[in-house]
PDB file of N, CA and C in Angstrom:
ATOM      1  N   UNK A   1      11.370  -4.938 -49.973  1.00  0.00           N
ATOM      2  CA  UNK A   1      12.225  -3.983 -50.675  1.00  0.00           C
ATOM      3  C   UNK A   1      13.588  -3.963 -49.977  1.00  0.00           C
ATOM      4  N   UNK A   2      14.651  -4.058 -50.744  1.00  0.00           N
ATOM      5  CA  UNK A   2      15.981  -4.078 -50.122  1.00  0.00           C
ATOM      6  C   UNK A   2      16.350  -2.700 -49.558  1.00  0.00           C
ATOM      7  N   UNK A   3      17.209  -2.749 -48.556  1.00  0.00           N
ATOM      8  CA  UNK A   3      17.676  -1.507 -47.938  1.00  0.00           C
ATOM      9  C   UNK A   3      18.594  -0.784 -48.915  1.00  0.00           C
ATOM     10  N   UNK A   4      18.353   0.500 -49.074  1.00  0.00           N
ATOM     11  CA  UNK A   4      19.158   1.284 -50.012  1.00  0.00           C
ATOM     12  C   UNK A   4      20.213   2.069 -49.240  1.00  0.00           C
ATOM     13  N   UNK A   5      21.453   1.911 -49.631  1.00  0.00           N
ATOM     14  CA  UNK A   5      22.523   2.730 -49.072  1.00  0.00           C
ATOM     15  C   UNK A   5      23.091   3.575 -50.199  1.00  0.00           C
ATOM     16  N   UNK A   6      23.608   4.687 -49.837  1.00  0.00           N
ATOM     17  CA  UNK A   6      24.191   5.562 -50.855  1.00  0.00           C
ATOM     18  C   UNK A   6      25.686   5.243 -50.936  1.00  0.00           C
ATOM     19  N   UNK A   7      26.000   4.076 -51.430  1.00  0.00           N
ATOM     20  CA  UNK A   7      27.373   3.587 -51.468  1.00  0.00           C
ATOM     21  C   UNK A   7      28.334   4.512 -52.222  1.00  0.00           C
ATOM     22  N   UNK A   8      27.970   5.011 -53.410  1.00  0.00           N
ATOM     23  CA  UNK A   8      28.936   5.861 -54.128  1.00  0.00           C
ATOM     24  C   UNK A   8      29.319   7.115 -53.342  1.00  0.00           C
ATOM     25  N   UNK A   9      28.359   7.748 -52.682  1.00  0.00           N
ATOM     26  CA  UNK A   9      28.659   8.960 -51.929  1.00  0.00           C
ATOM     27  C   UNK A   9      29.503   8.636 -50.700  1.00  0.00           C
ATOM     28  N   UNK A  10      29.188   7.531 -50.033  1.00  0.00           N
ATOM     29  CA  UNK A  10      29.961   7.136 -48.853  1.00  0.00           C
ATOM     30  C   UNK A  10      31.400   6.835 -49.233  1.00  0.00           C
ATOM     31  N   UNK A  11      31.578   6.128 -50.345  1.00  0.00           N
ATOM     32  CA  UNK A  11      32.926   5.787 -50.817  1.00  0.00           C
ATOM     33  C   UNK A  11      33.708   7.056 -51.182  1.00  0.00           C
ATOM     34  N   UNK A  12      33.011   8.005 -51.840  1.00  0.00           N
ATOM     35  CA  UNK A  12      33.674   9.249 -52.238  1.00  0.00           C
ATOM     36  C   UNK A  12      34.109  10.043 -51.013  1.00  0.00           C
ATOM     37  N   UNK A  13      33.264  10.036 -49.989  1.00  0.00           N
ATOM     38  CA  UNK A  13      33.601  10.764 -48.757  1.00  0.00           C
ATOM     39  C   UNK A  13      34.831  10.142 -48.104  1.00  0.00           C
ATOM     40  N   UNK A  14      34.855   8.820 -48.060  1.00  0.00           N
ATOM     41  CA  UNK A  14      36.009   8.140 -47.467  1.00  0.00           C
ATOM     42  C   UNK A  14      37.272   8.370 -48.285  1.00  0.00           C
ATOM     43  N   UNK A  15      37.125   8.326 -49.586  1.00  0.00           N
ATOM     44  CA  UNK A  15      38.287   8.542 -50.446  1.00  0.00           C
ATOM     45  C   UNK A  15      38.855   9.949 -50.246  1.00  0.00           C
ATOM     46  N   UNK A  16      37.958  10.928 -50.106  1.00  0.00           N
ATOM     47  CA  UNK A  16      38.403  12.306 -49.898  1.00  0.00           C
ATOM     48  C   UNK A  16      39.139  12.445 -48.565  1.00  0.00           C
ATOM     49  N   UNK A  17      38.628  11.791 -47.538  1.00  0.00           N
ATOM     50  CA  UNK A  17      39.282  11.860 -46.229  1.00  0.00           C
ATOM     51  C   UNK A  17      40.636  11.183 -46.263  1.00  0.00           C
ATOM     52  N   UNK A  18      40.716  10.013 -46.909  1.00  0.00           N
ATOM     53  CA  UNK A  18      41.991   9.304 -47.002  1.00  0.00           C
ATOM     54  C   UNK A  18      42.995  10.097 -47.841  1.00  0.00           C
ATOM     55  N   UNK A  19      42.494  10.859 -48.804  1.00  0.00           N
ATOM     56  CA  UNK A  19      43.393  11.698 -49.597  1.00  0.00           C
ATOM     57  C   UNK A  19      43.997  12.798 -48.717  1.00  0.00           C
ATOM     58  N   UNK A  20      43.176  13.346 -47.786  1.00  0.00           N
ATOM     59  CA  UNK A  20      43.689  14.357 -46.863  1.00  0.00           C
ATOM     60  C   UNK A  20      44.708  13.770 -45.885  1.00  0.00           C
ATOM     61  N   UNK A  21      44.613  12.449 -45.640  1.00  0.00           N
ATOM     62  CA  UNK A  21      45.518  11.793 -44.692  1.00  0.00           C
ATOM     63  C   UNK A  21      46.819  11.365 -45.353  1.00  0.00           C
ATOM     64  N   UNK A  22      47.009  11.699 -46.610  1.00  0.00           N
ATOM     65  CA  UNK A  22      48.228  11.313 -47.309  1.00  0.00           C
ATOM     66  C   UNK A  22      49.436  11.936 -46.611  1.00  0.00           C
ATOM     67  N   UNK A  23      50.450  11.126 -46.372  1.00  0.00           N
ATOM     68  CA  UNK A  23      51.649  11.602 -45.716  1.00  0.00           C
ATOM     69  C   UNK A  23      51.683  11.328 -44.225  1.00  0.00           C
ATOM     70  N   UNK A  24      50.545  10.904 -43.657  1.00  0.00           N
ATOM     71  CA  UNK A  24      50.538  10.549 -42.242  1.00  0.00           C
ATOM     72  C   UNK A  24      51.278   9.235 -42.046  1.00  0.00           C
ATOM     73  N   UNK A  25      51.703   8.959 -40.815  1.00  0.00           N
ATOM     74  CA  UNK A  25      52.515   7.775 -40.518  1.00  0.00           C
ATOM     75  C   UNK A  25      51.627   6.622 -40.051  1.00  0.00           C
ATOM     76  N   UNK A  26      51.978   5.426 -40.472  1.00  0.00           N
ATOM     77  CA  UNK A  26      51.316   4.215 -39.991  1.00  0.00           C
ATOM     78  C   UNK A  26      49.896   4.098 -40.476  1.00  0.00           C
ATOM     79  N   UNK A  27      49.025   3.601 -39.590  1.00  0.00           N
ATOM     80  CA  UNK A  27      47.633   3.359 -39.981  1.00  0.00           C
ATOM     81  C   UNK A  27      46.848   4.649 -40.157  1.00  0.00           C
ATOM     82  N   UNK A  28      47.405   5.755 -39.728  1.00  0.00           N
ATOM     83  CA  UNK A  28      46.701   7.030 -39.887  1.00  0.00           C
ATOM     84  C   UNK A  28      46.472   7.370 -41.349  1.00  0.00           C
ATOM     85  N   UNK A  29      47.247   6.779 -42.237  1.00  0.00           N
ATOM     86  CA  UNK A  29      47.125   7.137 -43.650  1.00  0.00           C
ATOM     87  C   UNK A  29      46.223   6.211 -44.456  1.00  0.00           C
ATOM     88  N   UNK A  30      45.926   5.010 -43.934  1.00  0.00           N
ATOM     89  CA  UNK A  30      45.177   4.081 -44.792  1.00  0.00           C
ATOM     90  C   UNK A  30      44.048   3.321 -44.111  1.00  0.00           C
ATOM     91  N   UNK A  31      43.881   3.431 -42.809  1.00  0.00           N
ATOM     92  CA  UNK A  31      42.760   2.791 -42.119  1.00  0.00           C
ATOM     93  C   UNK A  31      41.706   3.858 -41.857  1.00  0.00           C
ATOM     94  N   UNK A  32      40.495   3.609 -42.360  1.00  0.00           N
ATOM     95  CA  UNK A  32      39.457   4.635 -42.380  1.00  0.00           C
ATOM     96  C   UNK A  32      39.197   5.245 -41.004  1.00  0.00           C
ATOM     97  N   UNK A  33      38.968   4.402 -39.982  1.00  0.00           N
ATOM     98  CA  UNK A  33      38.578   4.946 -38.679  1.00  0.00           C
ATOM     99  C   UNK A  33      39.706   5.759 -38.052  1.00  0.00           C
ATOM    100  N   UNK A  34      40.940   5.316 -38.228  1.00  0.00           N
ATOM    101  CA  UNK A  34      42.083   6.036 -37.662  1.00  0.00           C
ATOM    102  C   UNK A  34      42.339   7.311 -38.462  1.00  0.00           C
ATOM    103  N   UNK A  35      42.270   7.204 -39.780  1.00  0.00           N
ATOM    104  CA  UNK A  35      42.529   8.360 -40.647  1.00  0.00           C
ATOM    105  C   UNK A  35      41.487   9.457 -40.432  1.00  0.00           C
ATOM    106  N   UNK A  36      40.239   9.048 -40.243  1.00  0.00           N
ATOM    107  CA  UNK A  36      39.165  10.025 -40.045  1.00  0.00           C
ATOM    108  C   UNK A  36      39.442  10.877 -38.810  1.00  0.00           C
ATOM    109  N   UNK A  37      39.822  10.223 -37.711  1.00  0.00           N
ATOM    110  CA  UNK A  37      40.121  10.962 -36.474  1.00  0.00           C
ATOM    111  C   UNK A  37      41.326  11.869 -36.653  1.00  0.00           C
ATOM    112  N   UNK A  38      42.356  11.364 -37.319  1.00  0.00           N
ATOM    113  CA  UNK A  38      43.577  12.149 -37.512  1.00  0.00           C
ATOM    114  C   UNK A  38      43.302  13.376 -38.385  1.00  0.00           C
ATOM    115  N   UNK A  39      42.525  13.186 -39.443  1.00  0.00           N
ATOM    116  CA  UNK A  39      42.225  14.294 -40.360  1.00  0.00           C
ATOM    117  C   UNK A  39      41.356  15.342 -39.667  1.00  0.00           C
ATOM    118  N   UNK A  40      40.341  14.894 -38.911  1.00  0.00           N
ATOM    119  CA  UNK A  40      39.476  15.845 -38.200  1.00  0.00           C
ATOM    120  C   UNK A  40      40.288  16.686 -37.219  1.00  0.00           C
ATOM    121  N   UNK A  41      41.190  16.036 -36.490  1.00  0.00           N
ATOM    122  CA  UNK A  41      42.007  16.759 -35.524  1.00  0.00           C
ATOM    123  C   UNK A  41      42.944  17.726 -36.251  1.00  0.00           C
ATOM    124  N   UNK A  42      43.533  17.268 -37.366  1.00  0.00           N
ATOM    125  CA  UNK A  42      44.424  18.123 -38.141  1.00  0.00           C
ATOM    126  C   UNK A  42      43.709  19.340 -38.701  1.00  0.00           C
ATOM    127  N   UNK A  43      42.477  19.149 -39.168  1.00  0.00           N
ATOM    128  CA  UNK A  43      41.716  20.274 -39.710  1.00  0.00           C
ATOM    129  C   UNK A  43      41.336  21.268 -38.614  1.00  0.00           C
ATOM    130  N   UNK A  44      41.048  20.762 -37.419  1.00  0.00           N
ATOM    131  CA  UNK A  44      40.714  21.683 -36.331  1.00  0.00           C
ATOM    132  C   UNK A  44      41.946  22.492 -35.925  1.00  0.00           C
ATOM    133  N   UNK A  45      43.121  21.855 -35.913  1.00  0.00           N
ATOM    134  CA  UNK A  45      44.361  22.589 -35.627  1.00  0.00           C
ATOM    135  C   UNK A  45      44.634  23.623 -36.714  1.00  0.00           C
ATOM    136  N   UNK A  46      44.373  23.254 -37.959  1.00  0.00           N
ATOM    137  CA  UNK A  46      44.619  24.189 -39.062  1.00  0.00           C
ATOM    138  C   UNK A  46      43.752  25.430 -38.910  1.00  0.00           C
ATOM    139  N   UNK A  47      42.490  25.241 -38.538  1.00  0.00           N
ATOM    140  CA  UNK A  47      41.577  26.372 -38.348  1.00  0.00           C
ATOM    141  C   UNK A  47      42.077  27.263 -37.216  1.00  0.00           C
ATOM    142  N   UNK A  48      42.427  26.639 -36.102  1.00  0.00           N
ATOM    143  CA  UNK A  48      42.884  27.383 -34.931  1.00  0.00           C
ATOM    144  C   UNK A  48      44.180  28.139 -35.225  1.00  0.00           C
ATOM    145  N   UNK A  49      45.088  27.502 -35.936  1.00  0.00           N
ATOM    146  CA  UNK A  49      46.394  28.109 -36.177  1.00  0.00           C
ATOM    147  C   UNK A  49      46.351  29.203 -37.237  1.00  0.00           C
ATOM    148  N   UNK A  50      45.340  29.191 -38.092  1.00  0.00           N
ATOM    149  CA  UNK A  50      45.185  30.331 -39.005  1.00  0.00           C
ATOM    150  C   UNK A  50      44.873  31.590 -38.211  1.00  0.00           C
ATOM    151  N   UNK A  51      44.153  31.444 -37.113  1.00  0.00           N
ATOM    152  CA  UNK A  51      43.851  32.592 -36.250  1.00  0.00           C
ATOM    153  C   UNK A  51      45.089  32.995 -35.444  1.00  0.00           C
ATOM    154  N   UNK A  52      45.809  31.993 -34.915  1.00  0.00           N
ATOM    155  CA  UNK A  52      46.999  32.274 -34.106  1.00  0.00           C
ATOM    156  C   UNK A  52      48.095  32.939 -34.924  1.00  0.00           C
ATOM    157  N   UNK A  53      48.179  32.584 -36.191  1.00  0.00           N
ATOM    158  CA  UNK A  53      49.219  33.136 -37.061  1.00  0.00           C
ATOM    159  C   UNK A  53      49.127  34.663 -37.119  1.00  0.00           C
ATOM    160  N   UNK A  54      47.919  35.171 -37.171  1.00  0.00           N
ATOM    161  CA  UNK A  54      47.716  36.616 -37.239  1.00  0.00           C
ATOM    162  C   UNK A  54      48.222  37.291 -35.961  1.00  0.00           C
ATOM    163  N   UNK A  55      47.945  36.673 -34.797  1.00  0.00           N
ATOM    164  CA  UNK A  55      48.413  37.230 -33.526  1.00  0.00           C
ATOM    165  C   UNK A  55      49.934  37.210 -33.451  1.00  0.00           C
ATOM    166  N   UNK A  56      50.506  36.085 -33.893  1.00  0.00           N
ATOM    167  CA  UNK A  56      51.957  35.939 -33.798  1.00  0.00           C
ATOM    168  C   UNK A  56      52.692  36.938 -34.686  1.00  0.00           C
ATOM    169  N   UNK A  57      52.152  37.187 -35.884  1.00  0.00           N
ATOM    170  CA  UNK A  57      52.796  38.155 -36.761  1.00  0.00           C
ATOM    171  C   UNK A  57      52.678  39.571 -36.201  1.00  0.00           C
ATOM    172  N   UNK A  58      51.533  39.905 -35.626  1.00  0.00           N
ATOM    173  CA  UNK A  58      51.377  41.234 -35.023  1.00  0.00           C
ATOM    174  C   UNK A  58      52.391  41.415 -33.897  1.00  0.00           C
ATOM    175  N   UNK A  59      52.584  40.374 -33.085  1.00  0.00           N
ATOM    176  CA  UNK A  59      53.573  40.420 -32.004  1.00  0.00           C
ATOM    177  C   UNK A  59      54.977  40.634 -32.558  1.00  0.00           C
ATOM    178  N   UNK A  60      55.290  39.939 -33.648  1.00  0.00           N
ATOM    179  CA  UNK A  60      56.603  40.079 -34.280  1.00  0.00           C
ATOM    180  C   UNK A  60      56.816  41.498 -34.794  1.00  0.00           C
ATOM    181  N   UNK A  61      55.792  42.056 -35.449  1.00  0.00           N
ATOM    182  CA  UNK A  61      55.915  43.416 -35.982  1.00  0.00           C
ATOM    183  C   UNK A  61      56.124  44.416 -34.852  1.00  0.00           C
ATOM    184  N   UNK A  62      55.397  44.246 -33.751  1.00  0.00           N
ATOM    185  CA  UNK A  62      55.534  45.161 -32.616  1.00  0.00           C
ATOM    186  C   UNK A  62      56.941  45.075 -32.037  1.00  0.00           C
ATOM    187  N   UNK A  63      57.469  43.861 -31.916  1.00  0.00           N
ATOM    188  CA  UNK A  63      58.824  43.691 -31.373  1.00  0.00           C
ATOM    189  C   UNK A  63      59.857  44.360 -32.281  1.00  0.00           C
ATOM    190  N   UNK A  64      59.684  44.223 -33.592  1.00  0.00           N
ATOM    191  CA  UNK A  64      60.631  44.836 -34.532  1.00  0.00           C
ATOM    192  C   UNK A  64      60.566  46.356 -34.485  1.00  0.00           C
ATOM    193  N   UNK A  65      59.362  46.897 -34.429  1.00  0.00           N
ATOM    194  CA  UNK A  65      59.212  48.352 -34.365  1.00  0.00           C
ATOM    195  C   UNK A  65      59.814  48.868 -33.056  1.00  0.00           C
ATOM    196  N   UNK A  66      59.544  48.181 -31.971  1.00  0.00           N
ATOM    197  CA  UNK A  66      60.055  48.590 -30.668  1.00  0.00           C
ATOM    198  C   UNK A  66      61.578  48.598 -30.664  1.00  0.00           C
ATOM    199  N   UNK A  67      62.188  47.552 -31.220  1.00  0.00           N
ATOM    200  CA  UNK A  67      63.652  47.489 -31.271  1.00  0.00           C
ATOM    201  C   UNK A  67      64.217  48.631 -32.107  1.00  0.00           C
ATOM    202  N   UNK A  68      63.523  48.967 -33.194  1.00  0.00           N
ATOM    203  CA  UNK A  68      64.017  50.023 -34.082  1.00  0.00           C
ATOM    204  C   UNK A  68      63.896  51.406 -33.444  1.00  0.00           C
ATOM    205  N   UNK A  69      62.785  51.676 -32.763  1.00  0.00           N
ATOM    206  CA  UNK A  69      62.607  53.020 -32.196  1.00  0.00           C
ATOM    207  C   UNK A  69      63.420  53.226 -30.930  1.00  0.00           C
ATOM    208  N   UNK A  70      63.830  52.146 -30.275  1.00  0.00           N
ATOM    209  CA  UNK A  70      64.674  52.273 -29.081  1.00  0.00           C
ATOM    210  C   UNK A  70      66.019  52.927 -29.424  1.00  0.00           C
ATOM    211  N   UNK A  71      66.461  52.744 -30.669  1.00  0.00           N
ATOM    212  CA  UNK A  71      67.708  53.383 -31.100  1.00  0.00           C
ATOM    213  C   UNK A  71      67.593  54.904 -31.116  1.00  0.00           C
ATOM    214  N   UNK A  72      66.369  55.392 -31.225  1.00  0.00           N
ATOM    215  CA  UNK A  72      66.139  56.835 -31.287  1.00  0.00           C
ATOM    216  C   UNK A  72      65.517  57.354 -29.991  1.00  0.00           C
ATOM    217  N   UNK A  73      65.747  56.661 -28.893  1.00  0.00           N
ATOM    218  CA  UNK A  73      65.297  57.063 -27.555  1.00  0.00           C
ATOM    219  C   UNK A  73      63.791  57.273 -27.468  1.00  0.00           C
ATOM    220  N   UNK A  74      63.038  56.356 -28.054  1.00  0.00           N
ATOM    221  CA  UNK A  74      61.580  56.362 -27.933  1.00  0.00           C
ATOM    222  C   UNK A  74      61.141  54.964 -27.542  1.00  0.00           C
ATOM    223  N   UNK A  75      59.963  54.880 -26.940  1.00  0.00           N
ATOM    224  CA  UNK A  75      59.383  53.571 -26.689  1.00  0.00           C
ATOM    225  C   UNK A  75      58.373  53.284 -27.806  1.00  0.00           C
ATOM    226  N   UNK A  76      57.940  52.052 -27.874  1.00  0.00           N
ATOM    227  CA  UNK A  76      56.967  51.664 -28.896  1.00  0.00           C
ATOM    228  C   UNK A  76      55.674  52.458 -28.728  1.00  0.00           C
ATOM    229  N   UNK A  77      55.209  52.562 -27.487  1.00  0.00           N
ATOM    230  CA  UNK A  77      53.930  53.237 -27.263  1.00  0.00           C
ATOM    231  C   UNK A  77      54.013  54.725 -27.604  1.00  0.00           C
ATOM    232  N   UNK A  78      55.125  55.359 -27.264  1.00  0.00           N
ATOM    233  CA  UNK A  78      55.303  56.774 -27.620  1.00  0.00           C
ATOM    234  C   UNK A  78      55.317  56.931 -29.137  1.00  0.00           C
ATOM    235  N   UNK A  79      56.010  56.017 -29.809  1.00  0.00           N
ATOM    236  CA  UNK A  79      56.112  56.069 -31.267  1.00  0.00           C
ATOM    237  C   UNK A  79      54.745  55.913 -31.920  1.00  0.00           C
ATOM    238  N   UNK A  80      53.995  54.903 -31.498  1.00  0.00           N
ATOM    239  CA  UNK A  80      52.694  54.655 -32.123  1.00  0.00           C
ATOM    240  C   UNK A  80      51.716  55.793 -31.818  1.00  0.00           C
ATOM    241  N   UNK A  81      51.800  56.358 -30.637  1.00  0.00           N
ATOM    242  CA  UNK A  81      50.946  57.498 -30.298  1.00  0.00           C
ATOM    243  C   UNK A  81      51.265  58.674 -31.220  1.00  0.00           C
ATOM    244  N   UNK A  82      52.553  58.921 -31.430  1.00  0.00           N
ATOM    245  CA  UNK A  82      52.956  60.019 -32.314  1.00  0.00           C
ATOM    246  C   UNK A  82      52.551  59.745 -33.764  1.00  0.00           C
ATOM    247  N   UNK A  83      52.647  58.499 -34.188  1.00  0.00           N
ATOM    248  CA  UNK A  83      52.244  58.132 -35.557  1.00  0.00           C
ATOM    249  C   UNK A  83      50.760  58.420 -35.766  1.00  0.00           C
ATOM    250  N   UNK A  84      49.937  58.039 -34.789  1.00  0.00           N
ATOM    251  CA  UNK A  84      48.497  58.265 -34.922  1.00  0.00           C
ATOM    252  C   UNK A  84      48.146  59.749 -34.862  1.00  0.00           C
ATOM    253  N   UNK A  85      48.818  60.481 -33.981  1.00  0.00           N
ATOM    254  CA  UNK A  85      48.542  61.923 -33.877  1.00  0.00           C
ATOM    255  C   UNK A  85      48.956  62.653 -35.146  1.00  0.00           C
ATOM    256  N   UNK A  86      50.061  62.230 -35.738  1.00  0.00           N
ATOM    257  CA  UNK A  86      50.569  62.871 -36.952  1.00  0.00           C
ATOM    258  C   UNK A  86      49.726  62.485 -38.179  1.00  0.00           C
ATOM    259  N   UNK A  87      48.975  61.391 -38.068  1.00  0.00           N
ATOM    260  CA  UNK A  87      48.118  60.964 -39.178  1.00  0.00           C
ATOM    261  C   UNK A  87      48.842  60.151 -40.224  1.00  0.00           C
ATOM    262  N   UNK A  88      49.903  59.473 -39.836  1.00  0.00           N
ATOM    263  CA  UNK A  88      50.634  58.613 -40.774  1.00  0.00           C
ATOM    264  C   UNK A  88      49.835  57.328 -40.959  1.00  0.00           C
ATOM    265  N   UNK A  89      49.503  57.009 -42.199  1.00  0.00           N
ATOM    266  CA  UNK A  89      48.619  55.890 -42.499  1.00  0.00           C
ATOM    267  C   UNK A  89      49.382  54.593 -42.797  1.00  0.00           C
ATOM    268  N   UNK A  90      50.446  54.322 -42.062  1.00  0.00           N
ATOM    269  CA  UNK A  90      51.191  53.083 -42.236  1.00  0.00           C
ATOM    270  C   UNK A  90      50.828  52.125 -41.111  1.00  0.00           C
ATOM    271  N   UNK A  91      50.542  50.878 -41.472  1.00  0.00           N
ATOM    272  CA  UNK A  91      50.217  49.903 -40.441  1.00  0.00           C
ATOM    273  C   UNK A  91      51.494  49.301 -39.856  1.00  0.00           C
ATOM    274  N   UNK A  92      51.317  48.454 -38.856  1.00  0.00           N
ATOM    275  CA  UNK A  92      52.472  47.874 -38.167  1.00  0.00           C
ATOM    276  C   UNK A  92      53.317  47.006 -39.089  1.00  0.00           C
ATOM    277  N   UNK A  93      52.657  46.315 -40.005  1.00  0.00           N
ATOM    278  CA  UNK A  93      53.391  45.464 -40.947  1.00  0.00           C
ATOM    279  C   UNK A  93      54.327  46.311 -41.802  1.00  0.00           C
ATOM    280  N   UNK A  94      53.830  47.405 -42.323  1.00  0.00           N
ATOM    281  CA  UNK A  94      54.639  48.279 -43.172  1.00  0.00           C
ATOM    282  C   UNK A  94      55.750  48.956 -42.367  1.00  0.00           C
ATOM    283  N   UNK A  95      55.428  49.397 -41.156  1.00  0.00           N
ATOM    284  CA  UNK A  95      56.437  50.043 -40.316  1.00  0.00           C
ATOM    285  C   UNK A  95      57.552  49.067 -39.945  1.00  0.00           C
ATOM    286  N   UNK A  96      57.190  47.833 -39.634  1.00  0.00           N
ATOM    287  CA  UNK A  96      58.199  46.821 -39.287  1.00  0.00           C
ATOM    288  C   UNK A  96      59.075  46.510 -40.494  1.00  0.00           C
ATOM    289  N   UNK A  97      58.468  46.465 -41.675  1.00  0.00           N
ATOM    290  CA  UNK A  97      59.235  46.205 -42.896  1.00  0.00           C
ATOM    291  C   UNK A  97      60.214  47.347 -43.168  1.00  0.00           C
ATOM    292  N   UNK A  98      59.755  48.578 -42.978  1.00  0.00           N
ATOM    293  CA  UNK A  98      60.650  49.732 -43.140  1.00  0.00           C
ATOM    294  C   UNK A  98      61.788  49.678 -42.127  1.00  0.00           C
ATOM    295  N   UNK A  99      61.462  49.342 -40.900  1.00  0.00           N
ATOM    296  CA  UNK A  99      62.484  49.298 -39.847  1.00  0.00           C
ATOM    297  C   UNK A  99      63.554  48.253 -40.158  1.00  0.00           C
ATOM    298  N   UNK A 100      63.146  47.138 -40.745  1.00  0.00           N
ATOM    299  CA  UNK A 100      64.098  46.060 -41.037  1.00  0.00           C
ATOM    300  C   UNK A 100      64.895  46.317 -42.320  1.00  0.00           C
ATOM    301  N   UNK A 101      64.201  46.736 -43.375  1.00  0.00           N
ATOM    302  CA  UNK A 101      64.812  46.774 -44.712  1.00  0.00           C
ATOM    303  C   UNK A 101      65.197  48.164 -45.205  1.00  0.00           C
ATOM    304  N   UNK A 102      64.567  49.195 -44.672  1.00  0.00           N
ATOM    305  CA  UNK A 102      64.835  50.574 -45.107  1.00  0.00           C
ATOM    306  C   UNK A 102      65.089  51.458 -43.888  1.00  0.00           C
ATOM    307  N   UNK A 103      66.224  51.298 -43.217  1.00  0.00           N
ATOM    308  CA  UNK A 103      66.448  52.065 -41.985  1.00  0.00           C
ATOM    309  C   UNK A 103      66.461  53.579 -42.194  1.00  0.00           C
ATOM    310  N   UNK A 104      66.904  54.041 -43.373  1.00  0.00           N
ATOM    311  CA  UNK A 104      66.921  55.483 -43.631  1.00  0.00           C
ATOM    312  C   UNK A 104      65.501  56.040 -43.683  1.00  0.00           C
ATOM    313  N   UNK A 105      64.619  55.319 -44.358  1.00  0.00           N
ATOM    314  CA  UNK A 105      63.223  55.761 -44.456  1.00  0.00           C
ATOM    315  C   UNK A 105      62.561  55.738 -43.087  1.00  0.00           C
ATOM    316  N   UNK A 106      62.865  54.712 -42.296  1.00  0.00           N
ATOM    317  CA  UNK A 106      62.299  54.629 -40.950  1.00  0.00           C
ATOM    318  C   UNK A 106      62.822  55.776 -40.078  1.00  0.00           C
ATOM    319  N   UNK A 107      64.103  56.109 -40.235  1.00  0.00           N
ATOM    320  CA  UNK A 107      64.690  57.219 -39.486  1.00  0.00           C
ATOM    321  C   UNK A 107      64.008  58.531 -39.860  1.00  0.00           C
ATOM    322  N   UNK A 108      63.667  58.675 -41.134  1.00  0.00           N
ATOM    323  CA  UNK A 108      62.967  59.887 -41.572  1.00  0.00           C
ATOM    324  C   UNK A 108      61.593  60.001 -40.918  1.00  0.00           C
ATOM    325  N   UNK A 109      60.920  58.866 -40.771  1.00  0.00           N
ATOM    326  CA  UNK A 109      59.619  58.882 -40.089  1.00  0.00           C
ATOM    327  C   UNK A 109      59.772  59.277 -38.631  1.00  0.00           C
ATOM    328  N   UNK A 110      60.776  58.664 -37.967  1.00  0.00           N
ATOM    329  CA  UNK A 110      61.012  58.977 -36.562  1.00  0.00           C
ATOM    330  C   UNK A 110      61.366  60.454 -36.387  1.00  0.00           C
ATOM    331  N   UNK A 111      62.217  60.975 -37.282  1.00  0.00           N
ATOM    332  CA  UNK A 111      62.612  62.390 -37.196  1.00  0.00           C
ATOM    333  C   UNK A 111      61.419  63.321 -37.390  1.00  0.00           C
ATOM    334  N   UNK A 112      60.503  62.936 -38.270  1.00  0.00           N
ATOM    335  CA  UNK A 112      59.325  63.789 -38.496  1.00  0.00           C
ATOM    336  C   UNK A 112      58.392  63.786 -37.288  1.00  0.00           C
ATOM    337  N   UNK A 113      58.489  62.769 -36.453  1.00  0.00           N
ATOM    338  CA  UNK A 113      57.626  62.688 -35.269  1.00  0.00           C
ATOM    339  C   UNK A 113      58.200  63.435 -34.075  1.00  0.00           C
ATOM    340  N   UNK A 114      59.517  63.665 -34.078  1.00  0.00           N
ATOM    341  CA  UNK A 114      60.134  64.335 -32.924  1.00  0.00           C
ATOM    342  C   UNK A 114      59.934  65.841 -32.966  1.00  0.00           C
TER     343      UNK A 114
END
């Protein structure tokens, strides 16, 4: 009995991987063994960076809020403590957006906390 390989599935898997390698430079885009390694590494970076993106945005929001409240002689920690005690249900993303785009509204929040 001849050896049976699942050729159609193997070919489809390779085609899918090479499709993910589209746009890579040199042999990374069209040689199976090189493309497979490049795609696997790229996918692992993509997974890791989706997690890092969340941390980086939180850091950005904190920096923006801190810069905005410094104008009103408060620190970030004092501001956030007052926000939580007052029961204001705005997250850091919303507060940073207000601080950047709606300074009057942000000033009203700061004034209500003092």
